[in-house]
Amino acid sequence: MDPALWSSLSALLGALVGGGISWLLNRQQLANQLRTLQEQHKVEFMAETTARHFLSHKSYTDRSFETLRNHLGGFADDELRKILVRAGAIRVYREDGSEWWRLLSRMDEYIERKQLDQIAREI
């Protein structure tokens, strides 16, 4: 083979190996930084996880703000509302003026259940 071809192939191989190592190191560094940030903000992350847990219950698509406040103690009302929004929840008010929250990702399930309830009432 031509020496110019060998040098080109070896340069390409070196660049690929170096790029791969660099990518792996950056990926590992990013994962480490994410773990560090999660540890620094553990209270907020756990509060969001807990809120998501309560709002993901298979029997209940909605939860009252009072229920969530009782289970997620230690937060002011507005701070808890911010946590719920970060968890992916939306707020709705019922006819009696009470505040209820549901996950936006479960909106289709809520609509379907509401339609089934309406059909059941008509029967």
N, C-alpha and C. Protein backbone atom coordinates (compact mmCIF):
# COMPACT_ATOMS: atom_id res chain seq x y z
N MET A 1 0.83 -1.19 0.00
CA MET A 1 0.00 0.00 0.00
C MET A 1 0.87 1.25 0.00
N ASP A 2 0.27 2.28 -0.40
CA ASP A 2 0.95 3.57 -0.50
C ASP A 2 1.17 4.15 0.90
N PRO A 3 2.35 4.68 1.19
CA PRO A 3 2.62 5.26 2.52
C PRO A 3 1.68 6.42 2.85
N ALA A 4 1.24 7.16 1.87
CA ALA A 4 0.32 8.28 2.13
C ALA A 4 -1.03 7.75 2.62
N LEU A 5 -1.45 6.61 2.08
CA LEU A 5 -2.71 6.00 2.50
C LEU A 5 -2.60 5.50 3.94
N TRP A 6 -1.45 4.90 4.26
CA TRP A 6 -1.24 4.42 5.64
C TRP A 6 -1.27 5.57 6.63
N SER A 7 -0.64 6.64 6.29
CA SER A 7 -0.61 7.78 7.22
C SER A 7 -2.00 8.40 7.37
N SER A 8 -2.76 8.43 6.29
CA SER A 8 -4.12 8.96 6.37
C SER A 8 -5.01 8.06 7.24
N LEU A 9 -4.89 6.75 7.03
CA LEU A 9 -5.69 5.81 7.82
C LEU A 9 -5.31 5.85 9.30
N SER A 10 -4.02 5.96 9.58
CA SER A 10 -3.60 6.00 10.99
C SER A 10 -4.05 7.31 11.64
N ALA A 11 -4.03 8.41 10.89
CA ALA A 11 -4.52 9.68 11.43
C ALA A 11 -6.02 9.61 11.70
N LEU A 12 -6.76 8.99 10.78
CA LEU A 12 -8.20 8.83 10.96
C LEU A 12 -8.50 7.94 12.16
N LEU A 13 -7.77 6.85 12.29
CA LEU A 13 -7.96 5.95 13.42
C LEU A 13 -7.64 6.67 14.74
N GLY A 14 -6.59 7.43 14.77
CA GLY A 14 -6.23 8.19 15.97
C GLY A 14 -7.31 9.20 16.34
N ALA A 15 -7.85 9.87 15.33
CA ALA A 15 -8.92 10.84 15.59
C ALA A 15 -10.17 10.15 16.13
N LEU A 16 -10.51 8.99 15.57
CA LEU A 16 -11.70 8.26 16.04
C LEU A 16 -11.52 7.77 17.47
N VAL A 17 -10.36 7.22 17.77
CA VAL A 17 -10.11 6.73 19.13
C VAL A 17 -10.11 7.90 20.12
N GLY A 18 -9.44 8.97 19.76
CA GLY A 18 -9.40 10.15 20.64
C GLY A 18 -10.78 10.75 20.84
N GLY A 19 -11.55 10.82 19.77
CA GLY A 19 -12.92 11.35 19.87
C GLY A 19 -13.80 10.46 20.73
N GLY A 20 -13.65 9.16 20.58
CA GLY A 20 -14.44 8.22 21.39
C GLY A 20 -14.11 8.33 22.87
N ILE A 21 -12.84 8.43 23.17
CA ILE A 21 -12.43 8.57 24.57
C ILE A 21 -12.94 9.89 25.14
N SER A 22 -12.84 10.94 24.37
CA SER A 22 -13.32 12.25 24.81
C SER A 22 -14.83 12.21 25.06
N TRP A 23 -15.58 11.57 24.18
CA TRP A 23 -17.03 11.47 24.33
C TRP A 23 -17.38 10.70 25.60
N LEU A 24 -16.70 9.58 25.84
CA LEU A 24 -16.97 8.79 27.04
C LEU A 24 -16.66 9.57 28.32
N LEU A 25 -15.55 10.28 28.32
CA LEU A 25 -15.19 11.07 29.50
C LEU A 25 -16.18 12.20 29.75
N ASN A 26 -16.62 12.87 28.69
CA ASN A 26 -17.61 13.94 28.85
C ASN A 26 -18.94 13.38 29.35
N ARG A 27 -19.32 12.24 28.85
CA ARG A 27 -20.57 11.60 29.29
C ARG A 27 -20.51 11.26 30.77
N GLN A 28 -19.39 10.71 31.20
CA GLN A 28 -19.21 10.35 32.60
C GLN A 28 -19.18 11.61 33.48
N GLN A 29 -18.54 12.65 33.01
CA GLN A 29 -18.48 13.90 33.77
C GLN A 29 -19.87 14.52 33.91
N LEU A 30 -20.66 14.50 32.85
CA LEU A 30 -22.01 15.04 32.89
C LEU A 30 -22.88 14.25 33.87
N ALA A 31 -22.77 12.94 33.85
CA ALA A 31 -23.54 12.11 34.79
C ALA A 31 -23.14 12.42 36.23
N ASN A 32 -21.87 12.63 36.46
CA ASN A 32 -21.39 12.96 37.80
C ASN A 32 -21.90 14.33 38.25
N GLN A 33 -21.90 15.29 37.35
CA GLN A 33 -22.42 16.62 37.68
C GLN A 33 -23.91 16.56 37.99
N LEU A 34 -24.65 15.76 37.24
CA LEU A 34 -26.08 15.61 37.48
C LEU A 34 -26.34 15.00 38.85
N ARG A 35 -25.59 13.97 39.21
CA ARG A 35 -25.72 13.36 40.54
C ARG A 35 -25.40 14.36 41.64
N THR A 36 -24.38 15.16 41.43
CA THR A 36 -23.99 16.16 42.42
C THR A 36 -25.10 17.20 42.60
N LEU A 37 -25.66 17.67 41.50
CA LEU A 37 -26.75 18.65 41.59
C LEU A 37 -27.99 18.06 42.24
N GLN A 38 -28.29 16.81 41.93
CA GLN A 38 -29.44 16.17 42.55
C GLN A 38 -29.22 16.02 44.06
N GLU A 39 -28.01 15.75 44.45
CA GLU A 39 -27.71 15.62 45.88
C GLU A 39 -27.82 16.97 46.57
N GLN A 40 -27.39 18.03 45.89
CA GLN A 40 -27.47 19.37 46.47
C GLN A 40 -28.92 19.83 46.62
N HIS A 41 -29.78 19.42 45.70
CA HIS A 41 -31.19 19.83 45.70
C HIS A 41 -32.10 18.64 45.97
N LYS A 42 -31.68 17.81 46.88
CA LYS A 42 -32.39 16.55 47.14
C LYS A 42 -33.82 16.79 47.63
N VAL A 43 -34.03 17.80 48.45
CA VAL A 43 -35.37 18.06 48.98
C VAL A 43 -36.34 18.35 47.84
N GLU A 44 -35.93 19.20 46.90
CA GLU A 44 -36.82 19.55 45.80
C GLU A 44 -37.07 18.35 44.89
N PHE A 45 -36.03 17.58 44.60
CA PHE A 45 -36.20 16.41 43.74
C PHE A 45 -37.11 15.38 44.39
N MET A 46 -36.93 15.15 45.67
CA MET A 46 -37.77 14.17 46.36
C MET A 46 -39.21 14.66 46.47
N ALA A 47 -39.39 15.96 46.67
CA ALA A 47 -40.75 16.50 46.75
C ALA A 47 -41.46 16.33 45.40
N GLU A 48 -40.76 16.58 44.31
CA GLU A 48 -41.35 16.38 42.98
C GLU A 48 -41.68 14.91 42.75
N THR A 49 -40.78 14.04 43.16
CA THR A 49 -41.00 12.60 43.00
C THR A 49 -42.21 12.15 43.81
N THR A 50 -42.32 12.65 45.02
CA THR A 50 -43.45 12.29 45.88
C THR A 50 -44.75 12.83 45.31
N ALA A 51 -44.73 14.06 44.83
CA ALA A 51 -45.93 14.64 44.22
C ALA A 51 -46.35 13.83 43.00
N ARG A 52 -45.39 13.46 42.18
CA ARG A 52 -45.69 12.65 41.00
C ARG A 52 -46.26 11.29 41.41
N HIS A 53 -45.75 10.74 42.51
CA HIS A 53 -46.26 9.46 43.01
C HIS A 53 -47.73 9.57 43.39
N PHE A 54 -48.08 10.59 44.16
CA PHE A 54 -49.47 10.75 44.58
C PHE A 54 -50.39 11.04 43.40
N LEU A 55 -49.91 11.79 42.44
CA LEU A 55 -50.74 12.14 41.29
C LEU A 55 -50.80 11.01 40.25
N SER A 56 -49.97 10.00 40.40
CA SER A 56 -49.95 8.88 39.46
C SER A 56 -50.74 7.67 39.96
N HIS A 57 -51.39 7.80 41.09
CA HIS A 57 -52.15 6.68 41.65
C HIS A 57 -53.18 6.21 40.63
N LYS A 58 -53.29 4.90 40.45
CA LYS A 58 -54.13 4.40 39.37
C LYS A 58 -55.62 4.63 39.60
N SER A 59 -56.04 4.79 40.83
CA SER A 59 -57.46 4.98 41.10
C SER A 59 -57.88 6.45 41.09
N TYR A 60 -56.94 7.34 41.31
CA TYR A 60 -57.27 8.76 41.41
C TYR A 60 -56.48 9.56 40.38
N THR A 61 -57.19 10.23 39.49
CA THR A 61 -56.48 11.11 38.56
C THR A 61 -56.27 12.48 39.18
N ASP A 62 -57.14 12.85 40.12
CA ASP A 62 -57.06 14.16 40.78
C ASP A 62 -56.75 13.98 42.26
N ARG A 63 -56.06 14.97 42.80
CA ARG A 63 -55.81 15.02 44.25
C ARG A 63 -56.08 16.44 44.72
N SER A 64 -56.70 16.54 45.88
CA SER A 64 -56.96 17.88 46.42
C SER A 64 -55.65 18.47 46.93
N PHE A 65 -55.61 19.78 46.91
CA PHE A 65 -54.42 20.47 47.39
C PHE A 65 -54.19 20.17 48.87
N GLU A 66 -55.26 20.03 49.62
CA GLU A 66 -55.14 19.73 51.05
C GLU A 66 -54.46 18.37 51.26
N THR A 67 -54.85 17.38 50.47
CA THR A 67 -54.24 16.06 50.59
C THR A 67 -52.75 16.12 50.26
N LEU A 68 -52.43 16.81 49.19
CA LEU A 68 -51.02 16.93 48.81
C LEU A 68 -50.23 17.70 49.86
N ARG A 69 -50.84 18.74 50.41
CA ARG A 69 -50.16 19.54 51.43
C ARG A 69 -49.91 18.71 52.69
N ASN A 70 -50.87 17.85 53.04
CA ASN A 70 -50.70 17.01 54.22
C ASN A 70 -49.57 16.00 54.03
N HIS A 71 -49.44 15.46 52.83
CA HIS A 71 -48.42 14.45 52.58
C HIS A 71 -47.05 15.05 52.26
N LEU A 72 -47.04 16.28 51.79
CA LEU A 72 -45.78 16.96 51.47
C LEU A 72 -45.59 18.12 52.43
N GLY A 73 -45.52 17.84 53.68
CA GLY A 73 -45.39 18.88 54.69
C GLY A 73 -44.06 19.59 54.63
N GLY A 74 -44.03 20.76 55.23
CA GLY A 74 -42.78 21.51 55.31
C GLY A 74 -42.61 22.54 54.22
N PHE A 75 -43.60 22.69 53.36
CA PHE A 75 -43.51 23.67 52.29
C PHE A 75 -44.64 24.68 52.43
N ALA A 76 -44.35 25.92 52.10
CA ALA A 76 -45.41 26.93 52.04
C ALA A 76 -46.32 26.60 50.86
N ASP A 77 -47.53 27.12 50.89
CA ASP A 77 -48.50 26.79 49.85
C ASP A 77 -48.00 27.13 48.45
N ASP A 78 -47.46 28.32 48.27
CA ASP A 78 -46.99 28.71 46.94
C ASP A 78 -45.78 27.89 46.51
N GLU A 79 -44.92 27.56 47.46
CA GLU A 79 -43.77 26.72 47.14
C GLU A 79 -44.22 25.33 46.71
N LEU A 80 -45.24 24.81 47.39
CA LEU A 80 -45.78 23.50 47.03
C LEU A 80 -46.42 23.55 45.64
N ARG A 81 -47.07 24.63 45.32
CA ARG A 81 -47.66 24.78 43.98
C ARG A 81 -46.56 24.77 42.91
N LYS A 82 -45.44 25.41 43.19
CA LYS A 82 -44.33 25.40 42.24
C LYS A 82 -43.77 23.99 42.06
N ILE A 83 -43.70 23.25 43.16
CA ILE A 83 -43.23 21.86 43.09
C ILE A 83 -44.18 21.03 42.23
N LEU A 84 -45.47 21.24 42.41
CA LEU A 84 -46.46 20.49 41.63
C LEU A 84 -46.36 20.82 40.14
N VAL A 85 -46.13 22.07 39.82
CA VAL A 85 -45.97 22.45 38.41
C VAL A 85 -44.71 21.82 37.84
N ARG A 86 -43.62 21.82 38.61
CA ARG A 86 -42.39 21.18 38.13
C ARG A 86 -42.58 19.68 37.95
N ALA A 87 -43.48 19.09 38.73
CA ALA A 87 -43.76 17.65 38.62
C ALA A 87 -44.64 17.35 37.41
N GLY A 88 -45.18 18.38 36.76
CA GLY A 88 -46.00 18.17 35.57
C GLY A 88 -47.49 18.20 35.84
N ALA A 89 -47.89 18.85 36.92
CA ALA A 89 -49.30 18.88 37.29
C ALA A 89 -49.94 20.20 36.86
N ILE A 90 -51.26 20.13 36.71
CA ILE A 90 -52.04 21.33 36.42
C ILE A 90 -53.09 21.48 37.52
N ARG A 91 -53.49 22.71 37.76
CA ARG A 91 -54.46 23.01 38.82
C ARG A 91 -55.82 23.24 38.20
N VAL A 92 -56.84 22.70 38.86
CA VAL A 92 -58.22 22.95 38.47
C VAL A 92 -59.00 23.28 39.73
N TYR A 93 -60.03 24.09 39.56
CA TYR A 93 -60.91 24.42 40.67
C TYR A 93 -62.25 23.73 40.44
N ARG A 94 -62.75 23.11 41.47
CA ARG A 94 -64.06 22.46 41.38
C ARG A 94 -65.15 23.48 41.66
N GLU A 95 -66.39 23.04 41.48
CA GLU A 95 -67.53 23.94 41.66
C GLU A 95 -67.62 24.51 43.07
N ASP A 96 -67.17 23.74 44.05
CA ASP A 96 -67.22 24.22 45.43
C ASP A 96 -66.06 25.15 45.77
N GLY A 97 -65.19 25.43 44.80
CA GLY A 97 -64.07 26.35 45.00
C GLY A 97 -62.81 25.68 45.49
N SER A 98 -62.84 24.37 45.68
CA SER A 98 -61.65 23.67 46.17
C SER A 98 -60.63 23.50 45.04
N GLU A 99 -59.38 23.45 45.44
CA GLU A 99 -58.26 23.37 44.50
C GLU A 99 -57.83 21.91 44.34
N TRP A 100 -57.79 21.45 43.09
CA TRP A 100 -57.41 20.07 42.79
C TRP A 100 -56.30 20.09 41.76
N TRP A 101 -55.46 19.05 41.80
CA TRP A 101 -54.32 18.95 40.90
C TRP A 101 -54.34 17.60 40.21
N ARG A 102 -53.91 17.59 38.94
CA ARG A 102 -53.76 16.34 38.19
C ARG A 102 -52.56 16.47 37.27
N LEU A 103 -51.98 15.32 36.94
CA LEU A 103 -50.85 15.33 36.02
C LEU A 103 -51.35 15.61 34.61
N LEU A 104 -50.63 16.43 33.91
CA LEU A 104 -50.98 16.74 32.53
C LEU A 104 -50.91 15.49 31.66
N SER A 105 -50.00 14.60 31.99
CA SER A 105 -49.86 13.37 31.22
C SER A 105 -51.05 12.43 31.40
N ARG A 106 -51.86 12.64 32.42
CA ARG A 106 -53.03 11.79 32.66
C ARG A 106 -54.33 12.46 32.21
N MET A 107 -54.24 13.53 31.46
CA MET A 107 -55.42 14.27 31.04
C MET A 107 -56.34 13.41 30.16
N ASP A 108 -55.76 12.61 29.27
CA ASP A 108 -56.58 11.74 28.42
C ASP A 108 -57.36 10.73 29.26
N GLU A 109 -56.70 10.19 30.26
CA GLU A 109 -57.36 9.24 31.16
C GLU A 109 -58.50 9.91 31.92
N TYR A 110 -58.29 11.14 32.34
CA TYR A 110 -59.33 11.88 33.06
C TYR A 110 -60.54 12.12 32.16
N ILE A 111 -60.29 12.53 30.93
CA ILE A 111 -61.39 12.80 29.99
C ILE A 111 -62.15 11.51 29.69
N GLU A 112 -61.43 10.43 29.48
CA GLU A 112 -62.07 9.15 29.20
C GLU A 112 -62.93 8.71 30.38
N ARG A 113 -62.41 8.84 31.58
CA ARG A 113 -63.17 8.44 32.77
C ARG A 113 -64.41 9.33 32.94
N LYS A 114 -64.27 10.60 32.64
CA LYS A 114 -65.40 11.51 32.76
C LYS A 114 -66.49 11.15 31.75
N GLN A 115 -66.09 10.79 30.53
CA GLN A 115 -67.06 10.39 29.52
C GLN A 115 -67.76 9.09 29.92
N LEU A 116 -67.02 8.15 30.48
CA LEU A 116 -67.62 6.89 30.93
C LEU A 116 -68.61 7.14 32.07
N ASP A 117 -68.28 8.04 32.97
CA ASP A 117 -69.20 8.38 34.06
C ASP A 117 -70.48 9.01 33.52
N GLN A 118 -70.32 9.86 32.51
CA GLN A 118 -71.49 10.51 31.91
C GLN A 118 -72.38 9.48 31.21
N ILE A 119 -71.78 8.53 30.52
CA ILE A 119 -72.55 7.48 29.85
C ILE A 119 -73.27 6.62 30.89
N ALA A 120 -72.58 6.32 31.98
CA ALA A 120 -73.18 5.50 33.04
C ALA A 120 -74.37 6.21 33.68
N ARG A 121 -74.30 7.53 33.82
CA ARG A 121 -75.42 8.29 34.39
C ARG A 121 -76.62 8.31 33.46
N GLU A 122 -76.35 8.30 32.16
CA GLU A 122 -77.44 8.34 31.18
C GLU A 122 -78.19 7.02 31.11
N ILE A 123 -77.51 5.96 31.46
CA ILE A 123 -78.14 4.63 31.36
C ILE A 123 -79.06 4.39 32.49
